[in-house]
Full PDB file with SEQRES, HELIX, SHEET, SSBOND, CRYST1, ORIGX, SCALE, CONECT and MASTER records, all heavy atoms in Angstrom:
SEQRES   1 A   43  GLU ALA TRP GLN ALA TRP GLN HIS PRO ARG PRO ILE GLY          
SEQRES   2 A   43  MET PRO PHE GLU GLY ILE GLY LEU ASN ALA LEU ALA THR          
SEQRES   3 A   43  LEU ILE ASN ALA GLY TRP SER ALA VAL LEU LEU SER ALA          
SEQRES   4 A   43  GLY ARG ARG LEU                                              
HELIX    1 AA1 ALA A    2  GLN A    7  1                                   6    
HELIX    2 AA2 PRO A   15  ARG A   42  1                                  28    
CRYST1    1.000    1.000    1.000  90.00  90.00  90.00 P 1           1          
ORIGX1      1.000000  0.000000  0.000000        0.00000                         
ORIGX2      0.000000  1.000000  0.000000        0.00000                         
ORIGX3      0.000000  0.000000  1.000000        0.00000                         
SCALE1      1.000000  0.000000  0.000000        0.00000                         
SCALE2      0.000000  1.000000  0.000000        0.00000                         
SCALE3      0.000000  0.000000  1.000000        0.00000                         
ATOM      1  N   GLU A   1      15.446   0.164  -6.063  1.00  0.00           N  
ATOM      2  CA  GLU A   1      14.821  -1.153  -6.241  1.00  0.00           C  
ATOM      3  C   GLU A   1      14.196  -1.281  -7.629  1.00  0.00           C  
ATOM      4  O   GLU A   1      14.289  -2.331  -8.280  1.00  0.00           O  
ATOM      5  CB  GLU A   1      13.768  -1.362  -5.159  1.00  0.00           C  
ATOM      6  CG  GLU A   1      12.977  -2.654  -5.280  1.00  0.00           C  
ATOM      7  CD  GLU A   1      13.805  -3.902  -5.061  1.00  0.00           C  
ATOM      8  OE1 GLU A   1      14.952  -3.775  -4.562  1.00  0.00           O  
ATOM      9  OE2 GLU A   1      13.317  -5.010  -5.388  1.00  0.00           O  
ATOM     10  N   ALA A   2      13.577  -0.189  -8.096  1.00  0.00           N  
ATOM     11  CA  ALA A   2      12.955  -0.223  -9.423  1.00  0.00           C  
ATOM     12  C   ALA A   2      14.017  -0.442 -10.512  1.00  0.00           C  
ATOM     13  O   ALA A   2      13.792  -1.180 -11.482  1.00  0.00           O  
ATOM     14  CB  ALA A   2      12.197   1.080  -9.676  1.00  0.00           C  
ATOM     15  N   TRP A   3      15.174   0.200 -10.337  1.00  0.00           N  
ATOM     16  CA  TRP A   3      16.245   0.056 -11.322  1.00  0.00           C  
ATOM     17  C   TRP A   3      16.767  -1.385 -11.358  1.00  0.00           C  
ATOM     18  O   TRP A   3      17.011  -1.944 -12.430  1.00  0.00           O  
ATOM     19  CB  TRP A   3      17.376   1.027 -11.004  1.00  0.00           C  
ATOM     20  CG  TRP A   3      18.563   0.912 -11.918  1.00  0.00           C  
ATOM     21  CD1 TRP A   3      19.821   0.522 -11.601  1.00  0.00           C  
ATOM     22  CD2 TRP A   3      18.595   1.198 -13.323  1.00  0.00           C  
ATOM     23  NE1 TRP A   3      20.637   0.538 -12.700  1.00  0.00           N  
ATOM     24  CE2 TRP A   3      19.904   0.956 -13.773  1.00  0.00           C  
ATOM     25  CE3 TRP A   3      17.636   1.637 -14.233  1.00  0.00           C  
ATOM     26  CZ2 TRP A   3      20.278   1.137 -15.091  1.00  0.00           C  
ATOM     27  CZ3 TRP A   3      18.008   1.809 -15.559  1.00  0.00           C  
ATOM     28  CH2 TRP A   3      19.319   1.565 -15.972  1.00  0.00           C  
ATOM     29  N   GLN A   4      16.922  -2.002 -10.172  1.00  0.00           N  
ATOM     30  CA  GLN A   4      17.380  -3.402 -10.114  1.00  0.00           C  
ATOM     31  C   GLN A   4      16.373  -4.325 -10.792  1.00  0.00           C  
ATOM     32  O   GLN A   4      16.745  -5.243 -11.527  1.00  0.00           O  
ATOM     33  CB  GLN A   4      17.569  -3.810  -8.650  1.00  0.00           C  
ATOM     34  CG  GLN A   4      18.695  -3.094  -7.926  1.00  0.00           C  
ATOM     35  CD  GLN A   4      20.048  -3.369  -8.539  1.00  0.00           C  
ATOM     36  OE1 GLN A   4      20.341  -4.479  -8.982  1.00  0.00           O  
ATOM     37  NE2 GLN A   4      20.893  -2.345  -8.583  1.00  0.00           N  
ATOM     38  N   ALA A   5      15.078  -4.097 -10.530  1.00  0.00           N  
ATOM     39  CA  ALA A   5      14.050  -4.936 -11.149  1.00  0.00           C  
ATOM     40  C   ALA A   5      13.952  -4.696 -12.653  1.00  0.00           C  
ATOM     41  O   ALA A   5      13.595  -5.606 -13.418  1.00  0.00           O  
ATOM     42  CB  ALA A   5      12.695  -4.665 -10.481  1.00  0.00           C  
ATOM     43  N   TRP A   6      14.275  -3.486 -13.093  1.00  0.00           N  
ATOM     44  CA  TRP A   6      14.265  -3.173 -14.527  1.00  0.00           C  
ATOM     45  C   TRP A   6      15.389  -3.938 -15.242  1.00  0.00           C  
ATOM     46  O   TRP A   6      15.190  -4.486 -16.327  1.00  0.00           O  
ATOM     47  CB  TRP A   6      14.437  -1.674 -14.712  1.00  0.00           C  
ATOM     48  CG  TRP A   6      14.585  -1.246 -16.149  1.00  0.00           C  
ATOM     49  CD1 TRP A   6      15.731  -1.153 -16.873  1.00  0.00           C  
ATOM     50  CD2 TRP A   6      13.532  -0.863 -17.042  1.00  0.00           C  
ATOM     51  NE1 TRP A   6      15.469  -0.731 -18.152  1.00  0.00           N  
ATOM     52  CE2 TRP A   6      14.127  -0.553 -18.287  1.00  0.00           C  
ATOM     53  CE3 TRP A   6      12.147  -0.757 -16.912  1.00  0.00           C  
ATOM     54  CZ2 TRP A   6      13.377  -0.128 -19.377  1.00  0.00           C  
ATOM     55  CZ3 TRP A   6      11.408  -0.337 -18.005  1.00  0.00           C  
ATOM     56  CH2 TRP A   6      12.017  -0.024 -19.223  1.00  0.00           C  
ATOM     57  N   GLN A   7      16.560  -3.969 -14.624  1.00  0.00           N  
ATOM     58  CA  GLN A   7      17.698  -4.663 -15.224  1.00  0.00           C  
ATOM     59  C   GLN A   7      17.532  -6.175 -15.178  1.00  0.00           C  
ATOM     60  O   GLN A   7      17.980  -6.886 -16.087  1.00  0.00           O  
ATOM     61  CB  GLN A   7      18.991  -4.266 -14.493  1.00  0.00           C  
ATOM     62  CG  GLN A   7      19.416  -2.822 -14.737  1.00  0.00           C  
ATOM     63  CD  GLN A   7      20.740  -2.509 -14.062  1.00  0.00           C  
ATOM     64  OE1 GLN A   7      20.926  -2.799 -12.884  1.00  0.00           O  
ATOM     65  NE2 GLN A   7      21.674  -1.942 -14.816  1.00  0.00           N  
ATOM     66  N   HIS A   8      16.897  -6.680 -14.116  1.00  0.00           N  
ATOM     67  CA  HIS A   8      16.743  -8.128 -13.958  1.00  0.00           C  
ATOM     68  C   HIS A   8      15.289  -8.438 -13.600  1.00  0.00           C  
ATOM     69  O   HIS A   8      14.957  -8.677 -12.428  1.00  0.00           O  
ATOM     70  CB  HIS A   8      17.672  -8.651 -12.857  1.00  0.00           C  
ATOM     71  CG  HIS A   8      19.105  -8.254 -13.040  1.00  0.00           C  
ATOM     72  ND1 HIS A   8      19.925  -8.799 -14.006  1.00  0.00           N  
ATOM     73  CD2 HIS A   8      19.857  -7.323 -12.378  1.00  0.00           C  
ATOM     74  CE1 HIS A   8      21.127  -8.249 -13.936  1.00  0.00           C  
ATOM     75  NE2 HIS A   8      21.103  -7.348 -12.956  1.00  0.00           N  
ATOM     76  N   PRO A   9      14.394  -8.434 -14.603  1.00  0.00           N  
ATOM     77  CA  PRO A   9      12.971  -8.717 -14.337  1.00  0.00           C  
ATOM     78  C   PRO A   9      12.803 -10.084 -13.684  1.00  0.00           C  
ATOM     79  O   PRO A   9      13.495 -11.045 -14.032  1.00  0.00           O  
ATOM     80  CB  PRO A   9      12.339  -8.684 -15.734  1.00  0.00           C  
ATOM     81  CG  PRO A   9      13.287  -7.878 -16.566  1.00  0.00           C  
ATOM     82  CD  PRO A   9      14.651  -8.175 -16.035  1.00  0.00           C  
ATOM     83  N   ARG A  10      11.901 -10.157 -12.698  1.00  0.00           N  
ATOM     84  CA  ARG A  10      11.694 -11.416 -11.989  1.00  0.00           C  
ATOM     85  C   ARG A  10      10.199 -11.721 -11.925  1.00  0.00           C  
ATOM     86  O   ARG A  10       9.363 -10.814 -11.864  1.00  0.00           O  
ATOM     87  CB  ARG A  10      12.299 -11.344 -10.590  1.00  0.00           C  
ATOM     88  CG  ARG A  10      11.959 -10.097  -9.818  1.00  0.00           C  
ATOM     89  CD  ARG A  10      12.703 -10.096  -8.474  1.00  0.00           C  
ATOM     90  NE  ARG A  10      12.427  -8.894  -7.715  1.00  0.00           N  
ATOM     91  CZ  ARG A  10      13.224  -7.855  -7.641  1.00  0.00           C  
ATOM     92  NH1 ARG A  10      14.371  -7.858  -8.313  1.00  0.00           N  
ATOM     93  NH2 ARG A  10      12.901  -6.803  -6.899  1.00  0.00           N  
ATOM     94  N   PRO A  11       9.858 -13.003 -11.940  1.00  0.00           N  
ATOM     95  CA  PRO A  11       8.432 -13.370 -11.888  1.00  0.00           C  
ATOM     96  C   PRO A  11       7.808 -12.977 -10.551  1.00  0.00           C  
ATOM     97  O   PRO A  11       8.482 -12.883  -9.525  1.00  0.00           O  
ATOM     98  CB  PRO A  11       8.463 -14.891 -12.062  1.00  0.00           C  
ATOM     99  CG  PRO A  11       9.825 -15.301 -11.605  1.00  0.00           C  
ATOM    100  CD  PRO A  11      10.738 -14.179 -11.990  1.00  0.00           C  
ATOM    101  N   ILE A  12       6.509 -12.749 -10.573  1.00  0.00           N  
ATOM    102  CA  ILE A  12       5.763 -12.356  -9.376  1.00  0.00           C  
ATOM    103  C   ILE A  12       5.041 -13.591  -8.846  1.00  0.00           C  
ATOM    104  O   ILE A  12       4.187 -14.162  -9.511  1.00  0.00           O  
ATOM    105  CB  ILE A  12       4.749 -11.243  -9.701  1.00  0.00           C  
ATOM    106  CG1 ILE A  12       5.484 -10.009 -10.229  1.00  0.00           C  
ATOM    107  CG2 ILE A  12       3.922 -10.892  -8.475  1.00  0.00           C  
ATOM    108  CD1 ILE A  12       4.559  -8.919 -10.723  1.00  0.00           C  
ATOM    109  N   GLY A  13       5.405 -13.986  -7.605  1.00  0.00           N  
ATOM    110  CA  GLY A  13       4.777 -15.165  -7.009  1.00  0.00           C  
ATOM    111  C   GLY A  13       3.565 -14.785  -6.168  1.00  0.00           C  
ATOM    112  O   GLY A  13       3.521 -13.732  -5.546  1.00  0.00           O  
ATOM    113  N   MET A  14       2.563 -15.655  -6.156  1.00  0.00           N  
ATOM    114  CA  MET A  14       1.343 -15.482  -5.354  1.00  0.00           C  
ATOM    115  C   MET A  14       0.799 -14.044  -5.463  1.00  0.00           C  
ATOM    116  O   MET A  14       0.610 -13.352  -4.451  1.00  0.00           O  
ATOM    117  CB  MET A  14       1.614 -15.830  -3.893  1.00  0.00           C  
ATOM    118  CG  MET A  14       2.143 -17.256  -3.697  1.00  0.00           C  
ATOM    119  SD  MET A  14       2.464 -17.645  -1.953  1.00  0.00           S  
ATOM    120  CE  MET A  14       0.787 -17.761  -1.356  1.00  0.00           C  
ATOM    121  N   PRO A  15       0.555 -13.569  -6.671  1.00  0.00           N  
ATOM    122  CA  PRO A  15       0.184 -12.154  -6.844  1.00  0.00           C  
ATOM    123  C   PRO A  15      -1.126 -11.771  -6.179  1.00  0.00           C  
ATOM    124  O   PRO A  15      -1.224 -10.686  -5.584  1.00  0.00           O  
ATOM    125  CB  PRO A  15       0.097 -12.009  -8.365  1.00  0.00           C  
ATOM    126  CG  PRO A  15      -0.183 -13.394  -8.870  1.00  0.00           C  
ATOM    127  CD  PRO A  15       0.551 -14.307  -7.945  1.00  0.00           C  
ATOM    128  N   PHE A  16      -2.125 -12.620  -6.266  1.00  0.00           N  
ATOM    129  CA  PHE A  16      -3.438 -12.217  -5.757  1.00  0.00           C  
ATOM    130  C   PHE A  16      -3.489 -12.239  -4.226  1.00  0.00           C  
ATOM    131  O   PHE A  16      -4.179 -11.428  -3.612  1.00  0.00           O  
ATOM    132  CB  PHE A  16      -4.531 -13.086  -6.374  1.00  0.00           C  
ATOM    133  CG  PHE A  16      -4.637 -12.892  -7.861  1.00  0.00           C  
ATOM    134  CD1 PHE A  16      -4.178 -13.867  -8.739  1.00  0.00           C  
ATOM    135  CD2 PHE A  16      -5.146 -11.704  -8.385  1.00  0.00           C  
ATOM    136  CE1 PHE A  16      -4.243 -13.671 -10.115  1.00  0.00           C  
ATOM    137  CE2 PHE A  16      -5.225 -11.509  -9.758  1.00  0.00           C  
ATOM    138  CZ  PHE A  16      -4.763 -12.492 -10.620  1.00  0.00           C  
ATOM    139  N   GLU A  17      -2.731 -13.176  -3.615  1.00  0.00           N  
ATOM    140  CA  GLU A  17      -2.633 -13.149  -2.152  1.00  0.00           C  
ATOM    141  C   GLU A  17      -1.943 -11.861  -1.690  1.00  0.00           C  
ATOM    142  O   GLU A  17      -2.363 -11.207  -0.731  1.00  0.00           O  
ATOM    143  CB  GLU A  17      -1.853 -14.361  -1.640  1.00  0.00           C  
ATOM    144  CG  GLU A  17      -2.585 -15.674  -1.804  1.00  0.00           C  
ATOM    145  CD  GLU A  17      -2.375 -16.286  -3.187  1.00  0.00           C  
ATOM    146  OE1 GLU A  17      -1.881 -15.583  -4.081  1.00  0.00           O  
ATOM    147  OE2 GLU A  17      -2.732 -17.471  -3.365  1.00  0.00           O  
ATOM    148  N   GLY A  18      -0.873 -11.497  -2.417  1.00  0.00           N  
ATOM    149  CA  GLY A  18      -0.161 -10.272  -2.081  1.00  0.00           C  
ATOM    150  C   GLY A  18      -1.015  -9.033  -2.276  1.00  0.00           C  
ATOM    151  O   GLY A  18      -1.019  -8.115  -1.443  1.00  0.00           O  
ATOM    152  N   ILE A  19      -1.761  -8.998  -3.378  1.00  0.00           N  
ATOM    153  CA  ILE A  19      -2.642  -7.856  -3.642  1.00  0.00           C  
ATOM    154  C   ILE A  19      -3.738  -7.763  -2.579  1.00  0.00           C  
ATOM    155  O   ILE A  19      -4.111  -6.680  -2.135  1.00  0.00           O  
ATOM    156  CB  ILE A  19      -3.256  -7.977  -5.061  1.00  0.00           C  
ATOM    157  CG1 ILE A  19      -2.166  -7.766  -6.121  1.00  0.00           C  
ATOM    158  CG2 ILE A  19      -4.368  -6.943  -5.246  1.00  0.00           C  
ATOM    159  CD1 ILE A  19      -2.623  -8.056  -7.523  1.00  0.00           C  
ATOM    160  N   GLY A  20      -4.240  -8.938  -2.132  1.00  0.00           N  
ATOM    161  CA  GLY A  20      -5.271  -8.935  -1.099  1.00  0.00           C  
ATOM    162  C   GLY A  20      -4.773  -8.343   0.204  1.00  0.00           C  
ATOM    163  O   GLY A  20      -5.457  -7.524   0.842  1.00  0.00           O  
ATOM    164  N   LEU A  21      -3.564  -8.744   0.637  1.00  0.00           N  
ATOM    165  CA  LEU A  21      -2.983  -8.188   1.857  1.00  0.00           C  
ATOM    166  C   LEU A  21      -2.747  -6.686   1.703  1.00  0.00           C  
ATOM    167  O   LEU A  21      -3.001  -5.898   2.626  1.00  0.00           O  
ATOM    168  CB  LEU A  21      -1.662  -8.894   2.180  1.00  0.00           C  
ATOM    169  CG  LEU A  21      -1.759 -10.321   2.709  1.00  0.00           C  
ATOM    170  CD1 LEU A  21      -0.365 -10.935   2.832  1.00  0.00           C  
ATOM    171  CD2 LEU A  21      -2.452 -10.333   4.066  1.00  0.00           C  
ATOM    172  N   ASN A  22      -2.273  -6.300   0.529  1.00  0.00           N  
ATOM    173  CA  ASN A  22      -2.005  -4.887   0.282  1.00  0.00           C  
ATOM    174  C   ASN A  22      -3.303  -4.076   0.289  1.00  0.00           C  
ATOM    175  O   ASN A  22      -3.344  -2.937   0.777  1.00  0.00           O  
ATOM    176  CB  ASN A  22      -1.297  -4.714  -1.060  1.00  0.00           C  
ATOM    177  CG  ASN A  22      -0.358  -3.539  -1.072  1.00  0.00           C  
ATOM    178  OD1 ASN A  22       0.547  -3.475  -0.258  1.00  0.00           O  
ATOM    179  ND2 ASN A  22      -0.563  -2.613  -1.988  1.00  0.00           N  
ATOM    180  N   ALA A  23      -4.376  -4.667  -0.241  1.00  0.00           N  
ATOM    181  CA  ALA A  23      -5.669  -3.976  -0.265  1.00  0.00           C  
ATOM    182  C   ALA A  23      -6.196  -3.748   1.152  1.00  0.00           C  
ATOM    183  O   ALA A  23      -6.737  -2.685   1.466  1.00  0.00           O  
ATOM    184  CB  ALA A  23      -6.675  -4.773  -1.086  1.00  0.00           C  
ATOM    185  N   LEU A  24      -6.024  -4.745   2.023  1.00  0.00           N  
ATOM    186  CA  LEU A  24      -6.459  -4.602   3.418  1.00  0.00           C  
ATOM    187  C   LEU A  24      -5.680  -3.478   4.102  1.00  0.00           C  
ATOM    188  O   LEU A  24      -6.260  -2.649   4.816  1.00  0.00           O  
ATOM    189  CB  LEU A  24      -6.252  -5.920   4.163  1.00  0.00           C  
ATOM    190  CG  LEU A  24      -6.602  -5.923   5.659  1.00  0.00           C  
ATOM    191  CD1 LEU A  24      -8.062  -5.525   5.877  1.00  0.00           C  
ATOM    192  CD2 LEU A  24      -6.305  -7.297   6.259  1.00  0.00           C  
ATOM    193  N   ALA A  25      -4.370  -3.448   3.860  1.00  0.00           N  
ATOM    194  CA  ALA A  25      -3.539  -2.384   4.430  1.00  0.00           C  
ATOM    195  C   ALA A  25      -3.974  -1.024   3.908  1.00  0.00           C  
ATOM    196  O   ALA A  25      -3.990  -0.023   4.647  1.00  0.00           O  
ATOM    197  CB  ALA A  25      -2.071  -2.637   4.097  1.00  0.00           C  
ATOM    198  N   THR A  26      -4.335  -0.962   2.639  1.00  0.00           N  
ATOM    199  CA  THR A  26      -4.760   0.299   2.031  1.00  0.00           C  
ATOM    200  C   THR A  26      -6.058   0.800   2.653  1.00  0.00           C  
ATOM    201  O   THR A  26      -6.220   2.008   2.894  1.00  0.00           O  
ATOM    202  CB  THR A  26      -4.934   0.122   0.513  1.00  0.00           C  
ATOM    203  OG1 THR A  26      -3.697  -0.288  -0.064  1.00  0.00           O  
ATOM    204  CG2 THR A  26      -5.377   1.427  -0.142  1.00  0.00           C  
ATOM    205  N   LEU A  27      -6.990  -0.090   2.924  1.00  0.00           N  
ATOM    206  CA  LEU A  27      -8.246   0.296   3.572  1.00  0.00           C  
ATOM    207  C   LEU A  27      -7.994   0.868   4.970  1.00  0.00           C  
ATOM    208  O   LEU A  27      -8.629   1.855   5.379  1.00  0.00           O  
ATOM    209  CB  LEU A  27      -9.182  -0.910   3.654  1.00  0.00           C  
ATOM    210  CG  LEU A  27      -9.799  -1.382   2.331  1.00  0.00           C  
ATOM    211  CD1 LEU A  27     -10.584  -2.667   2.547  1.00  0.00           C  
ATOM    212  CD2 LEU A  27     -10.702  -0.292   1.734  1.00  0.00           C  
ATOM    213  N   ILE A  28      -7.073   0.254   5.695  1.00  0.00           N  
ATOM    214  CA  ILE A  28      -6.730   0.768   7.028  1.00  0.00           C  
ATOM    215  C   ILE A  28      -6.135   2.169   6.910  1.00  0.00           C  
ATOM    216  O   ILE A  28      -6.491   3.088   7.668  1.00  0.00           O  
ATOM    217  CB  ILE A  28      -5.739  -0.180   7.735  1.00  0.00           C  
ATOM    218  CG1 ILE A  28      -6.419  -1.517   8.022  1.00  0.00           C  
ATOM    219  CG2 ILE A  28      -5.216   0.446   9.030  1.00  0.00           C  
ATOM    220  CD1 ILE A  28      -5.464  -2.590   8.535  1.00  0.00           C  
ATOM    221  N   ASN A  29      -5.226   2.347   5.950  1.00  0.00           N  
ATOM    222  CA  ASN A  29      -4.619   3.664   5.746  1.00  0.00           C  
ATOM    223  C   ASN A  29      -5.654   4.715   5.356  1.00  0.00           C  
ATOM    224  O   ASN A  29      -5.596   5.859   5.815  1.00  0.00           O  
ATOM    225  CB  ASN A  29      -3.549   3.589   4.658  1.00  0.00           C  
ATOM    226  CG  ASN A  29      -2.172   3.293   5.229  1.00  0.00           C  
ATOM    227  OD1 ASN A  29      -1.951   3.409   6.436  1.00  0.00           O  
ATOM    228  ND2 ASN A  29      -1.243   2.922   4.374  1.00  0.00           N  
ATOM    229  N   ALA A  30      -6.599   4.336   4.493  1.00  0.00           N  
ATOM    230  CA  ALA A  30      -7.618   5.286   4.039  1.00  0.00           C  
ATOM    231  C   ALA A  30      -8.466   5.767   5.213  1.00  0.00           C  
ATOM    232  O   ALA A  30      -8.726   6.971   5.372  1.00  0.00           O  
ATOM    233  CB  ALA A  30      -8.500   4.642   2.967  1.00  0.00           C  
ATOM    234  N   GLY A  31      -8.900   4.814   6.049  1.00  0.00           N  
ATOM    235  CA  GLY A  31      -9.720   5.199   7.192  1.00  0.00           C  
ATOM    236  C   GLY A  31      -8.963   6.052   8.187  1.00  0.00           C  
ATOM    237  O   GLY A  31      -9.479   7.075   8.671  1.00  0.00           O  
ATOM    238  N   TRP A  32      -7.716   5.674   8.466  1.00  0.00           N  
ATOM    239  CA  TRP A  32      -6.949   6.428   9.474  1.00  0.00           C  
ATOM    240  C   TRP A  32      -6.514   7.796   8.948  1.00  0.00           C  
ATOM    241  O   TRP A  32      -6.429   8.759   9.715  1.00  0.00           O  
ATOM    242  CB  TRP A  32      -5.748   5.614   9.940  1.00  0.00           C  
ATOM    243  CG  TRP A  32      -5.094   6.231  11.139  1.00  0.00           C  
ATOM    244  CD1 TRP A  32      -3.863   6.794  11.218  1.00  0.00           C  
ATOM    245  CD2 TRP A  32      -5.663   6.372  12.447  1.00  0.00           C  
ATOM    246  NE1 TRP A  32      -3.630   7.279  12.483  1.00  0.00           N  
ATOM    247  CE2 TRP A  32      -4.724   7.029  13.258  1.00  0.00           C  
ATOM    248  CE3 TRP A  32      -6.901   6.007  13.006  1.00  0.00           C  
ATOM    249  CZ2 TRP A  32      -4.963   7.334  14.602  1.00  0.00           C  
ATOM    250  CZ3 TRP A  32      -7.142   6.306  14.349  1.00  0.00           C  
ATOM    251  CH2 TRP A  32      -6.178   6.956  15.117  1.00  0.00           C  
ATOM    252  N   SER A  33      -6.248   7.908   7.649  1.00  0.00           N  
ATOM    253  CA  SER A  33      -5.877   9.216   7.094  1.00  0.00           C  
ATOM    254  C   SER A  33      -7.028  10.195   7.232  1.00  0.00           C  
ATOM    255  O   SER A  33      -6.824  11.381   7.553  1.00  0.00           O  
ATOM    256  CB  SER A  33      -5.466   9.099   5.618  1.00  0.00           C  
ATOM    257  OG  SER A  33      -6.580   8.764   4.794  1.00  0.00           O  
ATOM    258  N   ALA A  34      -8.277   9.724   7.033  1.00  0.00           N  
ATOM    259  CA  ALA A  34      -9.449  10.594   7.203  1.00  0.00           C  
ATOM    260  C   ALA A  34      -9.562  11.052   8.655  1.00  0.00           C  
ATOM    261  O   ALA A  34      -9.862  12.228   8.932  1.00  0.00           O  
ATOM    262  CB  ALA A  34     -10.715   9.858   6.779  1.00  0.00           C  
ATOM    263  N   VAL A  35      -9.288  10.140   9.597  1.00  0.00           N  
ATOM    264  CA  VAL A  35      -9.330  10.498  11.021  1.00  0.00           C  
ATOM    265  C   VAL A  35      -8.266  11.549  11.335  1.00  0.00           C  
ATOM    266  O   VAL A  35      -8.532  12.548  12.027  1.00  0.00           O  
ATOM    267  CB  VAL A  35      -9.115   9.244  11.886  1.00  0.00           C  
ATOM    268  CG1 VAL A  35      -8.916   9.623  13.354  1.00  0.00           C  
ATOM    269  CG2 VAL A  35     -10.299   8.292  11.756  1.00  0.00           C  
ATOM    270  N   LEU A  36      -7.051  11.355  10.838  1.00  0.00           N  
ATOM    271  CA  LEU A  36      -5.957  12.280  11.134  1.00  0.00           C  
ATOM    272  C   LEU A  36      -6.189  13.664  10.530  1.00  0.00           C  
ATOM    273  O   LEU A  36      -5.930  14.686  11.168  1.00  0.00           O  
ATOM    274  CB  LEU A  36      -4.638  11.713  10.609  1.00  0.00           C  
ATOM    275  CG  LEU A  36      -4.035  10.545  11.376  1.00  0.00           C  
ATOM    276  CD1 LEU A  36      -2.740  10.097  10.715  1.00  0.00           C  
ATOM    277  CD2 LEU A  36      -3.764  10.915  12.827  1.00  0.00           C  
ATOM    278  N   LEU A  37      -6.678  13.712   9.291  1.00  0.00           N  
ATOM    279  CA  LEU A  37      -6.923  15.004   8.652  1.00  0.00           C  
ATOM    280  C   LEU A  37      -8.002  15.781   9.391  1.00  0.00           C  
ATOM    281  O   LEU A  37      -7.882  16.998   9.599  1.00  0.00           O  
ATOM    282  CB  LEU A  37      -7.315  14.795   7.187  1.00  0.00           C  
ATOM    283  CG  LEU A  37      -6.184  14.338   6.261  1.00  0.00           C  
ATOM    284  CD1 LEU A  37      -6.728  13.965   4.889  1.00  0.00           C  
ATOM    285  CD2 LEU A  37      -5.125  15.429   6.127  1.00  0.00           C  
ATOM    286  N   SER A  38      -9.043  15.085   9.812  1.00  0.00           N  
ATOM    287  CA  SER A  38     -10.106  15.740  10.567  1.00  0.00           C  
ATOM    288  C   SER A  38      -9.587  16.245  11.917  1.00  0.00           C  
ATOM    289  O   SER A  38      -9.840  17.388  12.320  1.00  0.00           O  
ATOM    290  CB  SER A  38     -11.265  14.763  10.777  1.00  0.00           C  
ATOM    291  OG  SER A  38     -12.271  15.337  11.584  1.00  0.00           O  
ATOM    292  N   ALA A  39      -8.827  15.399  12.620  1.00  0.00           N  
ATOM    293  CA  ALA A  39      -8.284  15.786  13.926  1.00  0.00           C  
ATOM    294  C   ALA A  39      -7.269  16.914  13.776  1.00  0.00           C  
ATOM    295  O   ALA A  39      -7.219  17.831  14.602  1.00  0.00           O  
ATOM    296  CB  ALA A  39      -7.640  14.578  14.593  1.00  0.00           C  
ATOM    297  N   GLY A  40      -6.456  16.861  12.722  1.00  0.00           N  
ATOM    298  CA  GLY A  40      -5.452  17.902  12.508  1.00  0.00           C  
ATOM    299  C   GLY A  40      -6.076  19.265  12.295  1.00  0.00           C  
ATOM    300  O   GLY A  40      -5.607  20.275  12.835  1.00  0.00           O  
ATOM    301  N   ARG A  41      -7.171  19.310  11.505  1.00  0.00           N  
ATOM    302  CA  ARG A  41      -7.852  20.596  11.281  1.00  0.00           C  
ATOM    303  C   ARG A  41      -8.526  21.075  12.563  1.00  0.00           C  
ATOM    304  O   ARG A  41      -8.479  22.270  12.891  1.00  0.00           O  
ATOM    305  CB  ARG A  41      -8.875  20.438  10.157  1.00  0.00           C  
ATOM    306  CG  ARG A  41      -8.261  20.355   8.765  1.00  0.00           C  
ATOM    307  CD  ARG A  41      -9.314  20.456   7.691  1.00  0.00           C  
ATOM    308  NE  ARG A  41     -10.174  19.270   7.672  1.00  0.00           N  
ATOM    309  CZ  ARG A  41      -9.947  18.207   6.914  1.00  0.00           C  
ATOM    310  NH1 ARG A  41      -8.888  18.162   6.132  1.00  0.00           N  
ATOM    311  NH2 ARG A  41     -10.786  17.170   6.935  1.00  0.00           N  
ATOM    312  N   ARG A  42      -9.149  20.148  13.293  1.00  0.00           N  
ATOM    313  CA  ARG A  42      -9.860  20.534  14.513  1.00  0.00           C  
ATOM    314  C   ARG A  42      -8.905  21.005  15.607  1.00  0.00           C  
ATOM    315  O   ARG A  42      -9.190  21.978  16.311  1.00  0.00           O  
ATOM    316  CB  ARG A  42     -10.686  19.348  15.010  1.00  0.00           C  
ATOM    317  CG  ARG A  42     -11.454  19.607  16.292  1.00  0.00           C  
ATOM    318  CD  ARG A  42     -12.495  18.515  16.524  1.00  0.00           C  
ATOM    319  NE  ARG A  42     -11.923  17.182  16.411  1.00  0.00           N  
ATOM    320  CZ  ARG A  42     -11.298  16.547  17.416  1.00  0.00           C  
ATOM    321  NH1 ARG A  42     -11.165  17.139  18.584  1.00  0.00           N  
ATOM    322  NH2 ARG A  42     -10.825  15.323  17.245  1.00  0.00           N  
ATOM    323  N   LEU A  43      -7.750  20.323  15.732  1.00  0.00           N  
ATOM    324  CA  LEU A  43      -6.788  20.661  16.782  1.00  0.00           C  
ATOM    325  C   LEU A  43      -5.725  21.636  16.296  1.00  0.00           C  
ATOM    326  O   LEU A  43      -4.851  22.014  17.073  1.00  0.00           O  
ATOM    327  CB  LEU A  43      -6.112  19.377  17.286  1.00  0.00           C  
ATOM    328  CG  LEU A  43      -7.032  18.325  17.903  1.00  0.00           C  
ATOM    329  CD1 LEU A  43      -6.249  17.062  18.220  1.00  0.00           C  
ATOM    330  CD2 LEU A  43      -7.705  18.863  19.158  1.00  0.00           C  
TER     331      LEU A  43                                                      
MASTER        0    0    0    2    0    0    0    6  330    1    0    4          
END                                                                             
């Protein structure tokens, strides 16, 4: 995908809405990764 975008650059639509959704997903991942690492060591 990166190679295709490199050959044919395309504009980014609604960037801040997309970044906001991605940030929310990242927060969920951060919290759950801490839970999994703790549980993995304990179990």
